[in-house]
């Protein structure tokens, strides 16, 4: 609630300005607290920017949800390629466990789905007398060649397809009926063609077996099941030969020995199908690209962090107060705050330690092997702060992958029998480090700094404890927010003191006005008395 004051009526003094000038000195103390709070807020935001960049890097190269770039998995570092002499007949993809070399494949027959079709379900030969998807079952019933649909006393009809029982209402449209069949658990696609006047049921999956039905509903549509309730043509399994060994699968896409085969052409029993030659090899280029991408992104990450650690700090550029901003243009404020935000993470101990840990891991050996043996070295330029470089522009790395892809993959992807956890003991951590490949070692370091799980002391990742991150409890429970909260308390206390101080100044000026008013009144009285005596 604002206070309206009428001041200076007697003295003629600009009391408000005098009080503002007096309070300006007093407010310098609280302004410093506001500046400290703003600096902490900027530091927290700068920390979170770093945390987010680390998270993106970690999630790209060390997360099972990104198998194509996950360096802890052989899927990324032992990518295989398979060439087919007849891709129109069969194509093949291979996983990391597939055997390299040449093999043969021949299709004996492709897999098909069971299918049943009722033709000429209506009596009319003209398209105007055939069924419409918008017709209700009650309207359709009178058009069916095999006779009307028999509804029960509730106007419903119950059917069974592949053991699944369904109930339709006479008010259901044909479109709704077909959708109910298709969306049920019967495993059948149902469709009607007005052009050919046919109702078709097709199994959702290929493989041996027939569609089974029961109920007068189907007979009205012209289906004639056998004694076992089966209708239409049976589906069949795919049959093939791999290196002369015969096999069978219910589908045209199947995986055998780490290779996924897809039969692309319909082959019927008795058809002549050529022998397909398949050549399986490591996709050197794909593996190379993954590692190069990792090197480039690692360099970008440490360049960004080192930039923050070595950013110039301008001591004379503190956060602006509201009063200072009022005297500046937007551009001046922008340039000032750019300087004020510079160097907030300069020589930060936690970030410095994380980079040291990463650099040490990159120098470490895995089963006696180092990165340098795969053509990856640390820059010799001290200004690069430990960036990785590809020797001979990557030619040595490509040669290492081509010569022994398993060795390259193992160096990165080797796994320990002990899983990463925030609560593992020092002994377990040492064992995990010794048993792990480079990828797991790097991943462990990053997790130590940005993990959202708690250790035995209840602490999360080192950087999260300091600055927190959105979407986690640390967003509001972190060291910076604790310090900001403490400053808020100090600011509240200081503002209360300043308000009391300001009120005291106004009270004193009010007393001055009262005293002057009394003095002026006495002077007027005295002047009047003297004037009267002079007469």
Protein backbone atom coordinates (compact mmCIF):
# COMPACT_ATOMS: atom_id res chain seq x y z
CA UNK A 1 0.00 0.00 0.00
CA UNK A 2 1.60 3.28 -1.13
CA UNK A 3 1.86 6.22 1.24
CA UNK A 4 0.91 9.72 0.02
CA UNK A 5 3.08 12.36 1.63
CA UNK A 6 2.69 16.16 1.29
CA UNK A 7 6.09 17.61 2.12
CA UNK A 8 7.89 20.96 2.04
CA UNK A 9 4.73 23.00 2.50
CA UNK A 10 6.36 25.30 5.06
CA UNK A 11 10.07 24.98 4.39
CA UNK A 12 9.82 24.88 0.60
CA UNK A 13 12.36 22.06 0.61
CA UNK A 14 12.19 19.22 -1.95
CA UNK A 15 11.96 16.65 0.80
CA UNK A 16 11.44 13.68 -1.53
CA UNK A 17 14.65 14.41 -3.42
CA UNK A 18 16.59 14.98 -0.22
CA UNK A 19 15.37 11.65 1.17
CA UNK A 20 16.20 9.87 -2.12
CA UNK A 21 19.71 11.29 -1.97
CA UNK A 22 20.11 10.23 1.63
CA UNK A 23 18.73 6.75 0.88
CA UNK A 24 20.96 6.31 -2.17
CA UNK A 25 23.94 5.84 0.10
CA UNK A 26 21.97 3.47 2.29
CA UNK A 27 20.77 1.44 -0.72
CA UNK A 28 24.30 0.81 -1.96
CA UNK A 29 24.53 -2.00 0.57
CA UNK A 30 21.41 -3.78 -0.68
CA UNK A 31 22.38 -3.10 -4.30
CA UNK A 32 25.53 -5.12 -3.70
CA UNK A 33 23.36 -8.00 -2.49
CA UNK A 34 21.20 -7.74 -5.63
CA UNK A 35 24.36 -7.81 -7.75
CA UNK A 36 25.66 -10.85 -5.91
CA UNK A 37 22.35 -12.61 -6.44
CA UNK A 38 22.34 -11.81 -10.17
CA UNK A 39 25.90 -13.04 -10.51
CA UNK A 40 24.98 -16.34 -8.85
CA UNK A 41 21.96 -16.68 -11.14
CA UNK A 42 24.14 -16.14 -14.22
CA UNK A 43 26.72 -18.61 -12.92
CA UNK A 44 23.98 -21.23 -12.43
CA UNK A 45 22.71 -20.68 -15.96
CA UNK A 46 26.25 -20.94 -17.35
CA UNK A 47 26.73 -24.21 -15.46
CA UNK A 48 23.47 -25.60 -16.84
CA UNK A 49 24.55 -24.77 -20.39
CA UNK A 50 27.67 -26.85 -19.81
CA UNK A 51 25.64 -29.66 -18.23
CA UNK A 52 23.29 -29.78 -21.20
CA UNK A 53 26.17 -30.02 -23.66
CA UNK A 54 27.70 -32.84 -21.62
CA UNK A 55 24.33 -34.65 -21.54
CA UNK A 56 23.92 -34.40 -25.31
CA UNK A 57 27.43 -35.79 -25.83
CA UNK A 58 26.88 -38.61 -23.33
CA UNK A 59 23.47 -39.55 -24.70
CA UNK A 60 24.80 -39.59 -28.26
CA UNK A 61 27.79 -41.85 -27.71
CA UNK A 62 27.07 -43.84 -24.54
CA UNK A 63 23.31 -44.50 -24.52
CA UNK A 64 21.67 -47.78 -25.55
CA UNK A 65 18.81 -45.75 -27.02
CA UNK A 66 21.21 -44.60 -29.77
CA UNK A 67 22.60 -47.93 -31.03
CA UNK A 68 24.06 -46.48 -34.24
CA UNK A 69 26.44 -44.21 -32.28
CA UNK A 70 26.65 -45.97 -28.90
CA UNK A 71 30.36 -46.68 -28.45
CA UNK A 72 29.71 -49.13 -25.62
CA UNK A 73 27.97 -51.46 -28.12
CA UNK A 74 29.44 -53.50 -30.95
CA UNK A 75 26.41 -52.48 -33.02
CA UNK A 76 28.06 -49.13 -33.70
CA UNK A 77 31.68 -50.25 -34.01
CA UNK A 78 31.26 -53.50 -35.89
CA UNK A 79 28.79 -52.52 -38.55
CA UNK A 80 28.52 -55.07 -41.30
CA UNK A 81 27.55 -54.79 -44.94
CA UNK A 82 26.14 -57.57 -47.13
CA UNK A 83 26.03 -57.44 -50.91
CA UNK A 84 23.57 -59.63 -52.81
CA UNK A 85 24.06 -60.80 -56.39
CA UNK A 86 20.26 -60.75 -56.82
CA UNK A 87 18.82 -58.03 -54.53
CA UNK A 88 15.50 -58.29 -56.36
CA UNK A 89 15.18 -61.78 -54.85
CA UNK A 90 16.76 -61.37 -51.42
CA UNK A 91 18.46 -58.62 -49.43
CA UNK A 92 20.43 -59.19 -46.23
CA UNK A 93 21.57 -57.07 -43.31
CA UNK A 94 24.11 -58.32 -40.79
CA UNK A 95 24.66 -57.66 -37.09
CA UNK A 96 28.04 -57.46 -35.36
CA UNK A 97 28.10 -61.21 -34.65
CA UNK A 98 27.64 -62.24 -38.28
CA UNK A 99 30.43 -64.29 -39.87
CA UNK A 100 32.36 -62.48 -42.57
CA UNK A 101 32.83 -64.09 -45.96
CA UNK A 102 30.85 -65.45 -48.90
CA UNK A 103 27.71 -67.57 -48.64
CA UNK A 104 24.90 -68.74 -50.91
CA UNK A 105 21.13 -68.50 -50.60
CA UNK A 106 18.33 -69.98 -52.71
CA UNK A 107 14.57 -69.43 -52.36
CA UNK A 108 12.52 -72.62 -52.75
CA UNK A 109 9.24 -70.84 -52.00
CA UNK A 110 8.28 -67.53 -50.43
CA UNK A 111 5.91 -67.26 -47.47
CA UNK A 112 2.27 -66.33 -48.07
CA UNK A 113 -0.68 -65.46 -45.85
CA UNK A 114 -3.88 -67.48 -45.57
CA UNK A 115 -6.69 -65.91 -47.58
CA UNK A 116 -10.42 -66.47 -48.01
CA UNK A 117 -12.69 -64.75 -50.50
CA UNK A 118 -16.43 -64.83 -51.11
CA UNK A 119 -17.28 -63.71 -54.65
CA UNK A 120 -20.57 -62.30 -55.98
CA UNK A 121 -22.07 -61.84 -52.53
CA UNK A 122 -25.02 -59.92 -53.98
CA UNK A 123 -27.63 -61.05 -56.50
CA UNK A 124 -27.39 -58.05 -58.82
CA UNK A 125 -24.89 -57.83 -61.63
CA UNK A 126 -25.05 -54.03 -61.88
CA UNK A 127 -22.85 -51.83 -59.67
CA UNK A 128 -25.98 -49.90 -58.49
CA UNK A 129 -27.28 -53.10 -56.73
CA UNK A 130 -24.06 -53.97 -54.93
CA UNK A 131 -23.12 -53.26 -51.32
CA UNK A 132 -21.96 -49.92 -50.03
CA UNK A 133 -19.62 -49.48 -47.08
CA UNK A 134 -22.15 -47.02 -45.67
CA UNK A 135 -25.00 -49.61 -45.73
CA UNK A 136 -26.16 -51.04 -42.42
CA UNK A 137 -26.23 -54.81 -41.95
CA UNK A 138 -30.03 -54.63 -41.91
CA UNK A 139 -30.01 -52.97 -45.36
CA UNK A 140 -27.35 -55.36 -46.67
CA UNK A 141 -29.21 -58.46 -45.49
CA UNK A 142 -31.81 -58.29 -48.25
CA UNK A 143 -29.19 -58.02 -51.01
CA UNK A 144 -27.15 -61.14 -50.19
CA UNK A 145 -27.31 -64.03 -52.66
CA UNK A 146 -27.00 -66.76 -50.02
CA UNK A 147 -29.91 -65.39 -48.01
CA UNK A 148 -30.52 -62.81 -45.28
CA UNK A 149 -28.53 -62.39 -42.08
CA UNK A 150 -30.39 -63.85 -39.09
CA UNK A 151 -30.39 -61.38 -36.18
CA UNK A 152 -31.43 -62.30 -32.64
CA UNK A 153 -34.21 -60.62 -30.66
CA UNK A 154 -31.81 -57.78 -29.80
CA UNK A 155 -31.03 -57.13 -33.45
CA UNK A 156 -27.51 -58.59 -33.09
CA UNK A 157 -25.53 -61.37 -34.71
CA UNK A 158 -22.55 -63.17 -33.21
CA UNK A 159 -19.69 -64.63 -35.28
CA UNK A 160 -16.38 -66.37 -34.65
CA UNK A 161 -13.17 -65.91 -36.63
CA UNK A 162 -9.93 -67.68 -35.73
CA UNK A 163 -11.44 -68.42 -32.32
CA UNK A 164 -12.28 -64.76 -31.62
CA UNK A 165 -15.97 -64.05 -30.96
CA UNK A 166 -17.44 -60.80 -32.28
CA UNK A 167 -20.94 -59.32 -32.07
CA UNK A 168 -22.42 -56.95 -34.65
CA UNK A 169 -25.62 -54.90 -34.52
CA UNK A 170 -28.05 -54.64 -37.41
CA UNK A 171 -27.38 -50.88 -37.25
CA UNK A 172 -23.63 -51.32 -37.80
CA UNK A 173 -22.45 -50.20 -41.21
CA UNK A 174 -20.39 -52.54 -43.37
CA UNK A 175 -17.46 -50.18 -42.84
CA UNK A 176 -17.78 -50.57 -39.07
CA UNK A 177 -18.07 -54.35 -39.31
CA UNK A 178 -14.92 -54.65 -41.42
CA UNK A 179 -13.08 -52.34 -39.00
CA UNK A 180 -14.17 -54.41 -35.98
CA UNK A 181 -12.88 -57.58 -37.62
CA UNK A 182 -9.60 -55.95 -38.66
CA UNK A 183 -9.00 -54.35 -35.25
CA UNK A 184 -9.92 -57.46 -33.25
CA UNK A 185 -7.53 -60.09 -31.98
CA UNK A 186 -8.47 -62.47 -34.81
CA UNK A 187 -5.36 -61.54 -36.79
CA UNK A 188 -7.30 -60.96 -39.98
CA UNK A 189 -7.66 -58.04 -42.39
CA UNK A 190 -11.22 -57.73 -43.74
CA UNK A 191 -12.14 -55.79 -46.90
CA UNK A 192 -14.94 -55.48 -49.46
CA UNK A 193 -14.54 -54.49 -53.12
CA UNK A 194 -17.60 -52.94 -54.73
CA UNK A 195 -15.90 -53.30 -58.10
CA UNK A 196 -15.50 -57.10 -57.89
CA UNK A 197 -18.33 -57.63 -55.36
CA UNK A 198 -16.03 -59.70 -53.13
CA UNK A 199 -15.54 -59.91 -49.37
CA UNK A 200 -11.96 -60.86 -48.54
CA UNK A 201 -10.32 -62.10 -45.34
CA UNK A 202 -6.51 -62.12 -45.25
CA UNK A 203 -4.33 -63.31 -42.38
CA UNK A 204 -2.16 -60.56 -40.92
CA UNK A 205 0.87 -62.82 -40.87
CA UNK A 206 2.33 -65.25 -43.34
CA UNK A 207 2.92 -68.91 -42.60
CA UNK A 208 1.14 -72.23 -42.64
CA UNK A 209 -2.48 -72.42 -41.53
CA UNK A 210 -5.98 -71.45 -42.69
CA UNK A 211 -8.58 -68.96 -41.53
CA UNK A 212 -11.40 -70.54 -39.48
CA UNK A 213 -14.92 -69.13 -39.14
CA UNK A 214 -18.30 -70.06 -37.72
CA UNK A 215 -21.75 -68.49 -37.67
CA UNK A 216 -24.68 -68.00 -40.04
CA UNK A 217 -23.37 -64.49 -40.80
CA UNK A 218 -20.51 -65.94 -42.87
CA UNK A 219 -22.79 -68.29 -44.77
CA UNK A 220 -25.03 -65.34 -45.71
CA UNK A 221 -22.01 -63.70 -47.28
CA UNK A 222 -21.27 -66.84 -49.30
CA UNK A 223 -18.46 -68.47 -47.30
CA UNK A 224 -18.56 -72.28 -47.15
CA UNK A 225 -16.31 -73.58 -44.35
CA UNK A 226 -15.25 -77.22 -44.28
CA UNK A 227 -15.90 -79.63 -41.43
CA UNK A 228 -13.17 -77.97 -39.35
CA UNK A 229 -14.47 -74.48 -40.05
CA UNK A 230 -11.60 -73.56 -42.36
CA UNK A 231 -12.08 -71.47 -45.48
CA UNK A 232 -9.98 -70.32 -48.38
CA UNK A 233 -6.36 -71.01 -49.17
CA UNK A 234 -3.78 -72.02 -46.62
CA UNK A 235 -0.79 -69.83 -45.99
CA UNK A 236 2.68 -71.27 -46.39
CA UNK A 237 6.12 -70.93 -44.84
CA UNK A 238 9.15 -69.60 -46.65
CA UNK A 239 11.53 -72.41 -47.62
CA UNK A 240 15.12 -71.80 -48.63
CA UNK A 241 18.69 -73.10 -48.68
CA UNK A 242 21.70 -71.44 -47.05
CA UNK A 243 25.01 -72.90 -48.22
CA UNK A 244 23.07 -76.00 -49.25
CA UNK A 245 21.32 -76.47 -45.88
CA UNK A 246 17.54 -76.32 -46.09
CA UNK A 247 15.45 -74.23 -43.73
CA UNK A 248 11.93 -72.94 -43.19
CA UNK A 249 10.43 -69.86 -41.55
CA UNK A 250 6.82 -68.59 -41.35
CA UNK A 251 7.74 -65.14 -42.65
CA UNK A 252 9.70 -63.69 -45.55
CA UNK A 253 11.94 -61.73 -43.15
CA UNK A 254 13.91 -63.78 -40.64
CA UNK A 255 17.23 -63.78 -38.81
CA UNK A 256 19.71 -66.66 -38.84
CA UNK A 257 23.23 -66.53 -37.37
CA UNK A 258 23.24 -62.76 -37.01
CA UNK A 259 22.00 -62.09 -40.55
CA UNK A 260 18.51 -60.84 -41.37
CA UNK A 261 17.21 -62.10 -44.70
CA UNK A 262 14.31 -60.50 -46.60
CA UNK A 263 12.78 -62.37 -49.54
CA UNK A 264 11.58 -59.68 -51.94
CA UNK A 265 10.09 -61.79 -54.73
CA UNK A 266 7.14 -64.17 -54.70
CA UNK A 267 8.42 -67.65 -55.47
CA UNK A 268 5.94 -70.51 -55.80
CA UNK A 269 6.75 -74.19 -55.35
CA UNK A 270 8.35 -75.51 -58.52
CA UNK A 271 9.54 -72.10 -59.75
CA UNK A 272 13.12 -71.84 -60.86
CA UNK A 273 15.01 -69.49 -58.53
CA UNK A 274 18.71 -68.73 -59.01
CA UNK A 275 21.36 -69.23 -56.34
CA UNK A 276 22.15 -65.86 -54.73
CA UNK A 277 25.73 -65.10 -53.73
CA UNK A 278 26.08 -63.05 -50.53
CA UNK A 279 29.28 -61.32 -49.42
CA UNK A 280 29.48 -60.22 -45.77
CA UNK A 281 32.17 -57.79 -44.62
CA UNK A 282 32.80 -55.09 -42.03
CA UNK A 283 31.55 -51.70 -43.18
CA UNK A 284 34.85 -49.92 -42.63
CA UNK A 285 33.54 -46.56 -43.78
CA UNK A 286 30.55 -46.66 -41.40
CA UNK A 287 32.71 -47.58 -38.39
CA UNK A 288 35.23 -44.90 -39.36
CA UNK A 289 32.48 -42.27 -39.56
CA UNK A 290 31.19 -43.13 -36.07
CA UNK A 291 34.65 -42.78 -34.51
CA UNK A 292 35.40 -39.57 -36.41
CA UNK A 293 32.06 -38.14 -35.31
CA UNK A 294 32.95 -38.99 -31.70
CA UNK A 295 36.37 -37.34 -32.02
CA UNK A 296 34.89 -34.17 -33.53
CA UNK A 297 32.14 -33.87 -30.93
CA UNK A 298 34.57 -34.57 -28.09
CA UNK A 299 36.82 -31.78 -29.38
CA UNK A 300 33.86 -29.39 -29.60
CA UNK A 301 32.85 -30.22 -26.03
CA UNK A 302 36.25 -29.67 -24.44
CA UNK A 303 36.80 -26.57 -26.58
CA UNK A 304 33.56 -25.11 -25.23
CA UNK A 305 34.39 -25.98 -21.61
CA UNK A 306 37.96 -24.74 -21.90
CA UNK A 307 36.61 -21.54 -23.38
CA UNK A 308 34.53 -21.03 -20.25
CA UNK A 309 37.46 -21.91 -17.98
CA UNK A 310 39.76 -19.39 -19.69
CA UNK A 311 37.20 -16.69 -20.43
CA UNK A 312 38.32 -13.19 -19.40
CA UNK A 313 36.76 -11.84 -16.22
CA UNK A 314 35.99 -8.09 -16.10
CA UNK A 315 36.03 -7.12 -12.46
CA UNK A 316 34.71 -3.62 -13.07
CA UNK A 317 31.59 -4.85 -14.88
CA UNK A 318 29.15 -5.88 -12.16
CA UNK A 319 25.41 -6.53 -12.76
CA UNK A 320 23.53 -3.29 -13.35
CA UNK A 321 21.04 -1.93 -10.83
CA UNK A 322 17.60 -0.82 -11.98
CA UNK A 323 18.64 2.80 -11.50
CA UNK A 324 21.73 2.30 -13.67
CA UNK A 325 19.67 0.62 -16.42
CA UNK A 326 17.28 3.59 -16.52
CA UNK A 327 20.18 5.83 -17.57
CA UNK A 328 21.35 3.49 -20.37
CA UNK A 329 20.12 2.42 -23.80
CA UNK A 330 19.21 -1.21 -24.55
CA UNK A 331 22.38 -1.62 -26.60
CA UNK A 332 24.52 -0.20 -23.79
CA UNK A 333 22.86 -2.60 -21.35
CA UNK A 334 23.46 -5.54 -23.70
CA UNK A 335 27.16 -4.72 -24.13
CA UNK A 336 27.60 -4.15 -20.40
CA UNK A 337 25.97 -7.46 -19.43
CA UNK A 338 28.03 -9.29 -22.03
CA UNK A 339 31.10 -8.17 -20.12
CA UNK A 340 29.45 -8.83 -16.75
CA UNK A 341 28.65 -12.44 -17.72
CA UNK A 342 32.15 -13.13 -19.01
CA UNK A 343 34.46 -15.30 -16.93
CA UNK A 344 31.84 -16.54 -14.47
CA UNK A 345 33.21 -20.10 -14.75
CA UNK A 346 36.85 -19.06 -15.05
CA UNK A 347 39.17 -21.67 -13.53
CA UNK A 348 36.19 -23.56 -12.06
CA UNK A 349 37.63 -26.45 -10.05
CA UNK A 350 34.92 -29.02 -10.86
CA UNK A 351 35.07 -28.52 -14.62
CA UNK A 352 38.86 -28.45 -14.55
CA UNK A 353 38.91 -31.76 -12.67
CA UNK A 354 36.46 -33.35 -15.13
CA UNK A 355 38.67 -32.43 -18.11
CA UNK A 356 41.71 -33.79 -16.30
CA UNK A 357 39.89 -37.07 -15.67
CA UNK A 358 38.87 -37.36 -19.32
CA UNK A 359 42.40 -36.61 -20.53
CA UNK A 360 43.82 -39.27 -18.23
CA UNK A 361 41.37 -41.87 -19.55
CA UNK A 362 42.30 -41.08 -23.16
CA UNK A 363 45.94 -41.71 -22.32
CA UNK A 364 45.18 -45.01 -20.55
CA UNK A 365 45.64 -48.45 -22.12
CA UNK A 366 42.98 -51.10 -22.68
CA UNK A 367 44.52 -54.57 -22.69
CA UNK A 368 47.85 -53.02 -23.63
CA UNK A 369 46.44 -50.96 -26.48
CA UNK A 370 46.24 -47.17 -26.76
CA UNK A 371 44.37 -44.78 -29.01
CA UNK A 372 47.61 -43.94 -30.76
CA UNK A 373 47.77 -47.49 -32.15
CA UNK A 374 44.54 -46.75 -34.03
CA UNK A 375 45.77 -43.48 -35.48
CA UNK A 376 44.22 -41.15 -32.87
CA UNK A 377 46.54 -38.85 -30.93
CA UNK A 378 46.34 -35.91 -28.55
CA UNK A 379 47.21 -32.58 -30.13
CA UNK A 380 50.76 -31.45 -29.45
CA UNK A 381 49.63 -27.81 -29.45
CA UNK A 382 49.13 -26.79 -25.81
CA UNK A 383 46.53 -24.24 -26.92
CA UNK A 384 44.27 -27.13 -27.97
CA UNK A 385 43.99 -28.25 -24.34
CA UNK A 386 44.02 -31.98 -25.12
CA UNK A 387 42.02 -32.14 -28.34
CA UNK A 388 42.17 -35.37 -30.33
CA UNK A 389 43.62 -35.46 -33.85
CA UNK A 390 43.52 -38.12 -36.56
CA UNK A 391 46.97 -39.10 -37.74
CA UNK A 392 47.50 -38.88 -41.52
CA UNK A 393 44.07 -37.30 -41.90
CA UNK A 394 42.36 -40.49 -40.73
CA UNK A 395 44.14 -42.88 -43.07
CA UNK A 396 45.75 -44.74 -40.16
CA UNK A 397 42.37 -45.18 -38.44
CA UNK A 398 40.79 -46.58 -41.61
CA UNK A 399 43.68 -48.98 -42.03
CA UNK A 400 43.34 -50.17 -38.42
CA UNK A 401 39.62 -50.82 -38.85
CA UNK A 402 40.14 -52.71 -42.11
CA UNK A 403 43.03 -54.77 -40.73
CA UNK A 404 41.41 -55.86 -37.46
CA UNK A 405 37.87 -54.56 -36.88
CA UNK A 406 37.41 -56.81 -33.82
CA UNK A 407 40.41 -55.24 -32.09
CA UNK A 408 39.09 -51.72 -32.70
CA UNK A 409 35.61 -52.65 -31.50
CA UNK A 410 36.90 -54.38 -28.36
CA UNK A 411 39.11 -51.40 -27.47
CA UNK A 412 36.03 -49.19 -27.25
CA UNK A 413 33.22 -51.57 -26.30
CA UNK A 414 34.80 -53.99 -23.83
CA UNK A 415 32.44 -54.44 -20.88
CA UNK A 416 33.10 -55.13 -17.23
CA UNK A 417 31.27 -57.72 -15.15
CA UNK A 418 30.44 -54.86 -12.76
CA UNK A 419 27.81 -52.36 -13.89
CA UNK A 420 28.13 -48.62 -13.29
CA UNK A 421 26.41 -47.48 -10.14
CA UNK A 422 26.64 -44.45 -7.90
CA UNK A 423 26.95 -46.76 -4.90
CA UNK A 424 29.72 -49.17 -5.96
CA UNK A 425 32.72 -49.39 -3.67
CA UNK A 426 36.18 -48.09 -4.49
CA UNK A 427 37.37 -51.66 -5.04
CA UNK A 428 34.50 -52.39 -7.42
CA UNK A 429 35.14 -49.16 -9.29
CA UNK A 430 38.81 -50.08 -9.72
CA UNK A 431 37.86 -53.53 -11.03
CA UNK A 432 35.29 -52.03 -13.41
CA UNK A 433 37.87 -49.59 -14.75
CA UNK A 434 40.39 -52.36 -15.37
CA UNK A 435 37.85 -54.54 -17.16
CA UNK A 436 36.24 -51.78 -19.26
CA UNK A 437 36.95 -50.41 -22.71
CA UNK A 438 37.50 -46.75 -23.44
CA UNK A 439 33.81 -45.96 -24.00
CA UNK A 440 32.68 -47.21 -20.59
CA UNK A 441 35.53 -45.37 -18.89
CA UNK A 442 34.54 -42.07 -20.48
CA UNK A 443 30.87 -42.72 -19.80
CA UNK A 444 31.60 -43.38 -16.12
CA UNK A 445 33.38 -40.04 -15.76
CA UNK A 446 30.55 -38.12 -17.40
CA UNK A 447 28.01 -39.91 -15.19
CA UNK A 448 29.99 -39.01 -12.09
CA UNK A 449 29.46 -35.36 -12.96
CA UNK A 450 25.89 -35.31 -14.33
CA UNK A 451 24.12 -38.44 -13.07
CA UNK A 452 20.65 -38.06 -11.55
CA UNK A 453 21.02 -41.06 -9.22
CA UNK A 454 22.32 -40.66 -5.68
CA UNK A 455 25.42 -42.19 -4.12
CA UNK A 456 25.61 -43.70 -0.64
CA UNK A 457 25.84 -40.16 0.79
CA UNK A 458 22.70 -39.08 -1.02
CA UNK A 459 24.55 -36.91 -3.53
CA UNK A 460 23.90 -36.76 -7.26
CA UNK A 461 26.36 -35.83 -10.00
CA UNK A 462 28.95 -33.23 -9.01
CA UNK A 463 27.71 -30.58 -11.44
CA UNK A 464 24.05 -31.27 -10.66
CA UNK A 465 24.73 -30.80 -6.96
CA UNK A 466 26.19 -27.39 -7.75
CA UNK A 467 23.74 -26.05 -10.35
CA UNK A 468 20.97 -28.60 -10.93
CA UNK A 469 19.12 -29.25 -14.15
CA UNK A 470 15.55 -28.88 -15.37
CA UNK A 471 13.29 -31.89 -14.88
CA UNK A 472 15.19 -33.16 -11.85
CA UNK A 473 14.82 -32.42 -8.15
CA UNK A 474 18.16 -30.57 -8.37
CA UNK A 475 16.47 -27.91 -10.49
CA UNK A 476 15.50 -26.23 -7.21
CA UNK A 477 17.76 -28.05 -4.76
CA UNK A 478 21.37 -27.16 -5.55
CA UNK A 479 24.23 -25.14 -4.12
CA UNK A 480 23.55 -22.03 -6.18
CA UNK A 481 19.87 -21.91 -5.25
CA UNK A 482 20.75 -22.37 -1.59
CA UNK A 483 23.10 -19.37 -1.75
CA UNK A 484 20.50 -17.36 -3.68
CA UNK A 485 17.86 -18.20 -1.07
CA UNK A 486 20.18 -16.96 1.69
CA UNK A 487 20.77 -13.72 -0.21
CA UNK A 488 17.02 -13.31 -0.62
CA UNK A 489 16.65 -13.43 3.16
CA UNK A 490 19.38 -10.82 3.59
CA UNK A 491 17.80 -8.62 0.92
CA UNK A 492 14.40 -8.87 2.62
CA UNK A 493 15.93 -7.87 5.97
CA UNK A 494 17.86 -5.00 4.39
CA UNK A 495 14.78 -3.72 2.55
CA UNK A 496 12.82 -3.71 5.79
CA UNK A 497 15.61 -1.76 7.48
CA UNK A 498 15.75 0.70 4.57
CA UNK A 499 12.00 1.23 4.72
CA UNK A 500 12.25 2.00 8.43
CA UNK A 501 15.16 4.31 7.73
CA UNK A 502 13.24 6.13 4.99
CA UNK A 503 10.21 6.53 7.27
CA UNK A 504 12.48 7.92 9.96
CA UNK A 505 13.86 10.53 7.56
CA UNK A 506 10.33 11.56 6.58
CA UNK A 507 9.35 11.70 10.26
CA UNK A 508 12.27 13.98 11.01
CA UNK A 509 11.41 16.29 8.09
CA UNK A 510 7.80 16.30 9.27
CA UNK A 511 9.01 17.47 12.70
CA UNK A 512 11.07 20.13 10.94
CA UNK A 513 8.00 21.35 9.06
CA UNK A 514 6.01 21.46 12.33
CA UNK A 515 8.77 23.35 14.08
CA UNK A 516 9.10 25.86 11.24
CA UNK A 517 5.35 26.33 11.13
CA UNK A 518 5.36 27.09 14.86
CA UNK A 519 8.34 29.41 14.45
CA UNK A 520 6.71 31.28 11.59
CA UNK A 521 3.50 31.60 13.65
CA UNK A 522 5.43 33.05 16.61
CA UNK A 523 7.30 35.42 14.31
CA UNK A 524 4.04 36.63 12.81
CA UNK A 525 2.56 37.17 16.28
CA UNK A 526 5.63 39.05 17.48
CA UNK A 527 5.68 41.19 14.36
CA UNK A 528 2.03 42.00 14.88
CA UNK A 529 2.60 42.95 18.52
CA UNK A 530 5.51 45.25 17.67
CA UNK A 531 3.53 46.91 14.93
CA UNK A 532 0.56 47.57 17.25
CA UNK A 533 2.81 49.16 19.94
CA UNK A 534 4.39 51.46 17.37
CA UNK A 535 0.99 53.07 16.87
